[in-house]
Amino acid sequence: MYVCSCFGVTEAQVKEHADAGACTPRQIASACKAGTDCGSCVRRIQALLGRGTCPRRELLDQGVPALASGTVVGLGEAA
């Protein structure tokens, strides 16, 4: 079933990107452009992503400031 008619992105493709690590509609958009034209599919993408396990989302929920600001600090690096 198509999720994004503008770019022909299917539900299966969104799930594949999610399995590859995309945790947010913005990350899905970066991967396949879904949600970047008319935007009518963004809520469907959010529903597909749900509140599943996502390490980045879990850190954001915990209030890790480096992730909240969009700055990612790798292991062994100082903030």
PDB file of N, CA and C in Angstrom:
ATOM      1  N   MET A   1       0.846  -1.178   0.000  1.00  0.00           N
ATOM      2  CA  MET A   1       0.000   0.000   0.000  1.00  0.00           C
ATOM      3  C   MET A   1       0.897   1.248   0.000  1.00  0.00           C
ATOM      4  N   TYR A   2       0.502   2.229  -0.793  1.00  0.00           N
ATOM      5  CA  TYR A   2       1.273   3.469  -0.862  1.00  0.00           C
ATOM      6  C   TYR A   2       1.019   4.339   0.371  1.00  0.00           C
ATOM      7  N   VAL A   3       2.103   4.870   0.914  1.00  0.00           N
ATOM      8  CA  VAL A   3       2.034   5.811   2.027  1.00  0.00           C
ATOM      9  C   VAL A   3       2.148   7.217   1.460  1.00  0.00           C
ATOM     10  N   CYS A   4       3.086   7.416   0.552  1.00  0.00           N
ATOM     11  CA  CYS A   4       3.346   8.724  -0.049  1.00  0.00           C
ATOM     12  C   CYS A   4       3.061   8.648  -1.547  1.00  0.00           C
ATOM     13  N   SER A   5       1.959   9.265  -1.948  1.00  0.00           N
ATOM     14  CA  SER A   5       1.601   9.271  -3.368  1.00  0.00           C
ATOM     15  C   SER A   5       2.514  10.163  -4.181  1.00  0.00           C
ATOM     16  N   CYS A   6       3.010  11.223  -3.577  1.00  0.00           N
ATOM     17  CA  CYS A   6       3.869  12.171  -4.302  1.00  0.00           C
ATOM     18  C   CYS A   6       5.139  11.511  -4.831  1.00  0.00           C
ATOM     19  N   PHE A   7       5.726  10.622  -4.029  1.00  0.00           N
ATOM     20  CA  PHE A   7       6.988   9.992  -4.415  1.00  0.00           C
ATOM     21  C   PHE A   7       6.875   8.473  -4.574  1.00  0.00           C
ATOM     22  N   GLY A   8       5.658   7.942  -4.507  1.00  0.00           N
ATOM     23  CA  GLY A   8       5.457   6.514  -4.724  1.00  0.00           C
ATOM     24  C   GLY A   8       6.123   5.637  -3.680  1.00  0.00           C
ATOM     25  N   VAL A   9       6.121   6.078  -2.423  1.00  0.00           N
ATOM     26  CA  VAL A   9       6.757   5.322  -1.343  1.00  0.00           C
ATOM     27  C   VAL A   9       5.701   4.425  -0.687  1.00  0.00           C
ATOM     28  N   THR A  10       6.050   3.163  -0.550  1.00  0.00           N
ATOM     29  CA  THR A  10       5.110   2.206   0.021  1.00  0.00           C
ATOM     30  C   THR A  10       5.324   2.031   1.526  1.00  0.00           C
ATOM     31  N   GLU A  11       4.336   1.419   2.146  1.00  0.00           N
ATOM     32  CA  GLU A  11       4.419   1.096   3.569  1.00  0.00           C
ATOM     33  C   GLU A  11       5.627   0.191   3.830  1.00  0.00           C
ATOM     34  N   ALA A  12       5.845  -0.761   2.935  1.00  0.00           N
ATOM     35  CA  ALA A  12       6.982  -1.678   3.088  1.00  0.00           C
ATOM     36  C   ALA A  12       8.312  -0.926   3.039  1.00  0.00           C
ATOM     37  N   GLN A  13       8.414   0.082   2.180  1.00  0.00           N
ATOM     38  CA  GLN A  13       9.652   0.859   2.092  1.00  0.00           C
ATOM     39  C   GLN A  13       9.884   1.657   3.378  1.00  0.00           C
ATOM     40  N   VAL A  14       8.823   2.234   3.921  1.00  0.00           N
ATOM     41  CA  VAL A  14       8.955   2.973   5.180  1.00  0.00           C
ATOM     42  C   VAL A  14       9.429   2.031   6.274  1.00  0.00           C
ATOM     43  N   LYS A  15       8.850   0.831   6.326  1.00  0.00           N
ATOM     44  CA  LYS A  15       9.259  -0.149   7.343  1.00  0.00           C
ATOM     45  C   LYS A  15      10.709  -0.577   7.146  1.00  0.00           C
ATOM     46  N   GLU A  16      11.150  -0.706   5.903  1.00  0.00           N
ATOM     47  CA  GLU A  16      12.552  -1.057   5.631  1.00  0.00           C
ATOM     48  C   GLU A  16      13.491   0.023   6.149  1.00  0.00           C
ATOM     49  N   HIS A  17      13.136   1.282   5.905  1.00  0.00           N
ATOM     50  CA  HIS A  17      13.969   2.387   6.390  1.00  0.00           C
ATOM     51  C   HIS A  17      13.969   2.436   7.915  1.00  0.00           C
ATOM     52  N   ALA A  18      12.820   2.133   8.517  1.00  0.00           N
ATOM     53  CA  ALA A  18      12.735   2.097   9.976  1.00  0.00           C
ATOM     54  C   ALA A  18      13.610   0.973  10.527  1.00  0.00           C
ATOM     55  N   ASP A  19      13.574  -0.179   9.868  1.00  0.00           N
ATOM     56  CA  ASP A  19      14.421  -1.297  10.301  1.00  0.00           C
ATOM     57  C   ASP A  19      15.905  -0.962  10.152  1.00  0.00           C
ATOM     58  N   ALA A  20      16.224  -0.081   9.205  1.00  0.00           N
ATOM     59  CA  ALA A  20      17.614   0.323   8.981  1.00  0.00           C
ATOM     60  C   ALA A  20      18.050   1.439   9.925  1.00  0.00           C
ATOM     61  N   GLY A  21      17.120   1.912  10.775  1.00  0.00           N
ATOM     62  CA  GLY A  21      17.515   2.894  11.780  1.00  0.00           C
ATOM     63  C   GLY A  21      16.781   4.222  11.761  1.00  0.00           C
ATOM     64  N   ALA A  22      15.939   4.470  10.771  1.00  0.00           N
ATOM     65  CA  ALA A  22      15.172   5.720  10.738  1.00  0.00           C
ATOM     66  C   ALA A  22      14.090   5.667  11.809  1.00  0.00           C
ATOM     67  N   CYS A  23      14.120   6.630  12.726  1.00  0.00           N
ATOM     68  CA  CYS A  23      13.207   6.619  13.866  1.00  0.00           C
ATOM     69  C   CYS A  23      12.150   7.715  13.821  1.00  0.00           C
ATOM     70  N   THR A  24      12.314   8.666  12.939  1.00  0.00           N
ATOM     71  CA  THR A  24      11.404   9.810  12.897  1.00  0.00           C
ATOM     72  C   THR A  24      10.946  10.051  11.461  1.00  0.00           C
ATOM     73  N   PRO A  25       9.827  10.744  11.287  1.00  0.00           N
ATOM     74  CA  PRO A  25       9.401  11.092   9.926  1.00  0.00           C
ATOM     75  C   PRO A  25      10.472  11.880   9.165  1.00  0.00           C
ATOM     76  N   ARG A  26      11.221  12.713   9.853  1.00  0.00           N
ATOM     77  CA  ARG A  26      12.284  13.475   9.195  1.00  0.00           C
ATOM     78  C   ARG A  26      13.371  12.538   8.661  1.00  0.00           C
ATOM     79  N   GLN A  27      13.716  11.510   9.424  1.00  0.00           N
ATOM     80  CA  GLN A  27      14.719  10.557   8.958  1.00  0.00           C
ATOM     81  C   GLN A  27      14.186   9.729   7.789  1.00  0.00           C
ATOM     82  N   ILE A  28      12.909   9.405   7.820  1.00  0.00           N
ATOM     83  CA  ILE A  28      12.282   8.713   6.686  1.00  0.00           C
ATOM     84  C   ILE A  28      12.342   9.614   5.461  1.00  0.00           C
ATOM     85  N   ALA A  29      12.033  10.889   5.642  1.00  0.00           N
ATOM     86  CA  ALA A  29      12.079  11.850   4.534  1.00  0.00           C
ATOM     87  C   ALA A  29      13.481  11.935   3.941  1.00  0.00           C
ATOM     88  N   SER A  30      14.494  11.928   4.782  1.00  0.00           N
ATOM     89  CA  SER A  30      15.874  11.967   4.297  1.00  0.00           C
ATOM     90  C   SER A  30      16.217  10.736   3.482  1.00  0.00           C
ATOM     91  N   ALA A  31      15.627   9.613   3.857  1.00  0.00           N
ATOM     92  CA  ALA A  31      15.938   8.355   3.193  1.00  0.00           C
ATOM     93  C   ALA A  31      15.220   8.190   1.853  1.00  0.00           C
ATOM     94  N   CYS A  32      13.964   8.696   1.761  1.00  0.00           N
ATOM     95  CA  CYS A  32      13.189   8.405   0.548  1.00  0.00           C
ATOM     96  C   CYS A  32      12.290   9.542   0.067  1.00  0.00           C
ATOM     97  N   LYS A  33      12.363  10.707   0.690  1.00  0.00           N
ATOM     98  CA  LYS A  33      11.596  11.898   0.335  1.00  0.00           C
ATOM     99  C   LYS A  33      10.136  11.858   0.775  1.00  0.00           C
ATOM    100  N   ALA A  34       9.669  10.749   1.323  1.00  0.00           N
ATOM    101  CA  ALA A  34       8.270  10.676   1.762  1.00  0.00           C
ATOM    102  C   ALA A  34       7.998  11.760   2.796  1.00  0.00           C
ATOM    103  N   GLY A  35       6.931  12.521   2.580  1.00  0.00           N
ATOM    104  CA  GLY A  35       6.558  13.570   3.509  1.00  0.00           C
ATOM    105  C   GLY A  35       7.139  14.931   3.202  1.00  0.00           C
ATOM    106  N   THR A  36       7.898  15.040   2.122  1.00  0.00           N
ATOM    107  CA  THR A  36       8.554  16.318   1.837  1.00  0.00           C
ATOM    108  C   THR A  36       7.834  17.174   0.803  1.00  0.00           C
ATOM    109  N   ASP A  37       6.762  16.661   0.201  1.00  0.00           N
ATOM    110  CA  ASP A  37       6.056  17.458  -0.797  1.00  0.00           C
ATOM    111  C   ASP A  37       4.770  18.016  -0.186  1.00  0.00           C
ATOM    112  N   CYS A  38       3.669  17.325  -0.299  1.00  0.00           N
ATOM    113  CA  CYS A  38       2.408  17.876   0.221  1.00  0.00           C
ATOM    114  C   CYS A  38       2.257  17.670   1.724  1.00  0.00           C
ATOM    115  N   GLY A  39       2.953  16.665   2.285  1.00  0.00           N
ATOM    116  CA  GLY A  39       2.928  16.433   3.731  1.00  0.00           C
ATOM    117  C   GLY A  39       1.752  15.627   4.241  1.00  0.00           C
ATOM    118  N   SER A  40       0.855  15.214   3.364  1.00  0.00           N
ATOM    119  CA  SER A  40      -0.331  14.490   3.837  1.00  0.00           C
ATOM    120  C   SER A  40      -0.012  13.097   4.385  1.00  0.00           C
ATOM    121  N   CYS A  41       1.161  12.577   4.104  1.00  0.00           N
ATOM    122  CA  CYS A  41       1.516  11.235   4.561  1.00  0.00           C
ATOM    123  C   CYS A  41       2.269  11.231   5.896  1.00  0.00           C
ATOM    124  N   VAL A  42       2.617  12.382   6.420  1.00  0.00           N
ATOM    125  CA  VAL A  42       3.455  12.444   7.617  1.00  0.00           C
ATOM    126  C   VAL A  42       2.784  11.738   8.805  1.00  0.00           C
ATOM    127  N   ARG A  43       1.501  11.931   8.989  1.00  0.00           N
ATOM    128  CA  ARG A  43       0.821  11.252  10.109  1.00  0.00           C
ATOM    129  C   ARG A  43       0.805   9.744   9.935  1.00  0.00           C
ATOM    130  N   ARG A  44       0.664   9.283   8.704  1.00  0.00           N
ATOM    131  CA  ARG A  44       0.702   7.841   8.447  1.00  0.00           C
ATOM    132  C   ARG A  44       2.098   7.298   8.743  1.00  0.00           C
ATOM    133  N   ILE A  45       3.125   8.045   8.361  1.00  0.00           N
ATOM    134  CA  ILE A  45       4.500   7.639   8.653  1.00  0.00           C
ATOM    135  C   ILE A  45       4.712   7.582  10.160  1.00  0.00           C
ATOM    136  N   GLN A  46       4.204   8.584  10.882  1.00  0.00           N
ATOM    137  CA  GLN A  46       4.309   8.578  12.348  1.00  0.00           C
ATOM    138  C   GLN A  46       3.644   7.345  12.926  1.00  0.00           C
ATOM    139  N   ALA A  47       2.485   6.986  12.390  1.00  0.00           N
ATOM    140  CA  ALA A  47       1.769   5.807  12.879  1.00  0.00           C
ATOM    141  C   ALA A  47       2.554   4.533  12.599  1.00  0.00           C
ATOM    142  N   LEU A  48       3.188   4.454  11.441  1.00  0.00           N
ATOM    143  CA  LEU A  48       3.989   3.273  11.111  1.00  0.00           C
ATOM    144  C   LEU A  48       5.201   3.161  12.025  1.00  0.00           C
ATOM    145  N   LEU A  49       5.796   4.295  12.350  1.00  0.00           N
ATOM    146  CA  LEU A  49       6.964   4.275  13.230  1.00  0.00           C
ATOM    147  C   LEU A  49       6.568   3.976  14.661  1.00  0.00           C
ATOM    148  N   GLY A  50       5.385   4.432  15.053  1.00  0.00           N
ATOM    149  CA  GLY A  50       4.894   4.170  16.403  1.00  0.00           C
ATOM    150  C   GLY A  50       5.868   4.618  17.470  1.00  0.00           C
ATOM    151  N   ARG A  51       5.818   3.972  18.588  1.00  0.00           N
ATOM    152  CA  ARG A  51       6.725   4.253  19.697  1.00  0.00           C
ATOM    153  C   ARG A  51       7.628   3.053  19.924  1.00  0.00           C
ATOM    154  N   GLY A  52       8.073   2.447  18.830  1.00  0.00           N
ATOM    155  CA  GLY A  52       8.955   1.295  18.930  1.00  0.00           C
ATOM    156  C   GLY A  52      10.305   1.662  19.508  1.00  0.00           C
ATOM    157  N   THR A  53      11.146   0.682  19.618  1.00  0.00           N
ATOM    158  CA  THR A  53      12.468   0.929  20.181  1.00  0.00           C
ATOM    159  C   THR A  53      13.321   1.686  19.184  1.00  0.00           C
ATOM    160  N   CYS A  54      13.856   2.770  19.633  1.00  0.00           N
ATOM    161  CA  CYS A  54      14.756   3.591  18.831  1.00  0.00           C
ATOM    162  C   CYS A  54      15.755   4.189  19.802  1.00  0.00           C
ATOM    163  N   PRO A  55      17.016   3.783  19.727  1.00  0.00           N
ATOM    164  CA  PRO A  55      18.002   4.296  20.685  1.00  0.00           C
ATOM    165  C   PRO A  55      18.052   5.818  20.728  1.00  0.00           C
ATOM    166  N   ARG A  56      17.987   6.459  19.587  1.00  0.00           N
ATOM    167  CA  ARG A  56      18.062   7.919  19.558  1.00  0.00           C
ATOM    168  C   ARG A  56      16.834   8.514  20.252  1.00  0.00           C
ATOM    169  N   ARG A  57      15.640   7.959  19.980  1.00  0.00           N
ATOM    170  CA  ARG A  57      14.426   8.466  20.601  1.00  0.00           C
ATOM    171  C   ARG A  57      14.479   8.258  22.107  1.00  0.00           C
ATOM    172  N   GLU A  58      14.981   7.103  22.548  1.00  0.00           N
ATOM    173  CA  GLU A  58      15.075   6.846  23.985  1.00  0.00           C
ATOM    174  C   GLU A  58      15.988   7.874  24.652  1.00  0.00           C
ATOM    175  N   LEU A  59      17.091   8.239  23.998  1.00  0.00           N
ATOM    176  CA  LEU A  59      17.987   9.253  24.558  1.00  0.00           C
ATOM    177  C   LEU A  59      17.307  10.618  24.590  1.00  0.00           C
ATOM    178  N   LEU A  60      16.546  10.944  23.538  1.00  0.00           N
ATOM    179  CA  LEU A  60      15.818  12.212  23.527  1.00  0.00           C
ATOM    180  C   LEU A  60      14.795  12.255  24.651  1.00  0.00           C
ATOM    181  N   ASP A  61      14.089  11.132  24.851  1.00  0.00           N
ATOM    182  CA  ASP A  61      13.091  11.062  25.915  1.00  0.00           C
ATOM    183  C   ASP A  61      13.728  11.241  27.286  1.00  0.00           C
ATOM    184  N   GLN A  62      15.009  10.837  27.415  1.00  0.00           N
ATOM    185  CA  GLN A  62      15.722  10.990  28.677  1.00  0.00           C
ATOM    186  C   GLN A  62      16.285  12.392  28.844  1.00  0.00           C
ATOM    187  N   GLY A  63      16.182  13.212  27.795  1.00  0.00           N
ATOM    188  CA  GLY A  63      16.627  14.589  27.886  1.00  0.00           C
ATOM    189  C   GLY A  63      18.107  14.794  27.648  1.00  0.00           C
ATOM    190  N   VAL A  64      18.733  13.917  26.875  1.00  0.00           N
ATOM    191  CA  VAL A  64      20.148  14.090  26.563  1.00  0.00           C
ATOM    192  C   VAL A  64      20.280  15.342  25.706  1.00  0.00           C
ATOM    193  N   PRO A  65      20.924  16.400  26.207  1.00  0.00           N
ATOM    194  CA  PRO A  65      20.947  17.686  25.516  1.00  0.00           C
ATOM    195  C   PRO A  65      21.647  17.677  24.167  1.00  0.00           C
ATOM    196  N   ALA A  66      22.685  16.885  23.989  1.00  0.00           N
ATOM    197  CA  ALA A  66      23.401  16.877  22.711  1.00  0.00           C
ATOM    198  C   ALA A  66      22.486  16.403  21.593  1.00  0.00           C
ATOM    199  N   LEU A  67      21.613  15.441  21.878  1.00  0.00           N
ATOM    200  CA  LEU A  67      20.699  14.955  20.859  1.00  0.00           C
ATOM    201  C   LEU A  67      19.529  15.905  20.680  1.00  0.00           C
ATOM    202  N   ALA A  68      19.086  16.504  21.743  1.00  0.00           N
ATOM    203  CA  ALA A  68      17.966  17.434  21.650  1.00  0.00           C
ATOM    204  C   ALA A  68      18.321  18.637  20.792  1.00  0.00           C
ATOM    205  N   SER A  69      19.578  19.039  20.821  1.00  0.00           N
ATOM    206  CA  SER A  69      19.990  20.194  20.031  1.00  0.00           C
ATOM    207  C   SER A  69      20.371  19.810  18.610  1.00  0.00           C
ATOM    208  N   GLY A  70      20.405  18.505  18.327  1.00  0.00           N
ATOM    209  CA  GLY A  70      20.766  18.049  16.990  1.00  0.00           C
ATOM    210  C   GLY A  70      22.251  17.780  16.840  1.00  0.00           C
ATOM    211  N   THR A  71      23.040  17.999  17.883  1.00  0.00           N
ATOM    212  CA  THR A  71      24.465  17.736  17.836  1.00  0.00           C
ATOM    213  C   THR A  71      24.719  16.347  18.413  1.00  0.00           C
ATOM    214  N   VAL A  72      25.245  15.473  17.593  1.00  0.00           N
ATOM    215  CA  VAL A  72      25.502  14.122  18.051  1.00  0.00           C
ATOM    216  C   VAL A  72      26.971  14.004  18.425  1.00  0.00           C
ATOM    217  N   VAL A  73      27.225  13.506  19.606  1.00  0.00           N
ATOM    218  CA  VAL A  73      28.585  13.322  20.084  1.00  0.00           C
ATOM    219  C   VAL A  73      28.871  11.843  20.068  1.00  0.00           C
ATOM    220  N   GLY A  74      29.935  11.450  19.390  1.00  0.00           N
ATOM    221  CA  GLY A  74      30.294  10.047  19.284  1.00  0.00           C
ATOM    222  C   GLY A  74      30.955   9.553  20.568  1.00  0.00           C
ATOM    223  N   LEU A  75      31.149   8.249  20.616  1.00  0.00           N
ATOM    224  CA  LEU A  75      31.797   7.664  21.781  1.00  0.00           C
ATOM    225  C   LEU A  75      33.215   8.180  21.912  1.00  0.00           C
ATOM    226  N   GLY A  76      33.590   8.544  23.086  1.00  0.00           N
ATOM    227  CA  GLY A  76      34.936   9.005  23.346  1.00  0.00           C
ATOM    228  C   GLY A  76      35.147  10.476  23.067  1.00  0.00           C
ATOM    229  N   GLU A  77      34.122  11.154  22.585  1.00  0.00           N
ATOM    230  CA  GLU A  77      34.243  12.583  22.315  1.00  0.00           C
ATOM    231  C   GLU A  77      33.579  13.378  23.428  1.00  0.00           C
ATOM    232  N   ALA A  78      34.099  14.522  23.697  1.00  0.00           N
ATOM    233  CA  ALA A  78      33.505  15.390  24.710  1.00  0.00           C
ATOM    234  C   ALA A  78      32.474  16.288  24.061  1.00  0.00           C
ATOM    235  N   ALA A  79      31.457  16.642  24.817  1.00  0.00           N
ATOM    236  CA  ALA A  79      30.390  17.498  24.292  1.00  0.00           C
ATOM    237  C   ALA A  79      30.843  18.938  24.206  1.00  0.00           C
TER     238      ALA A  79
END
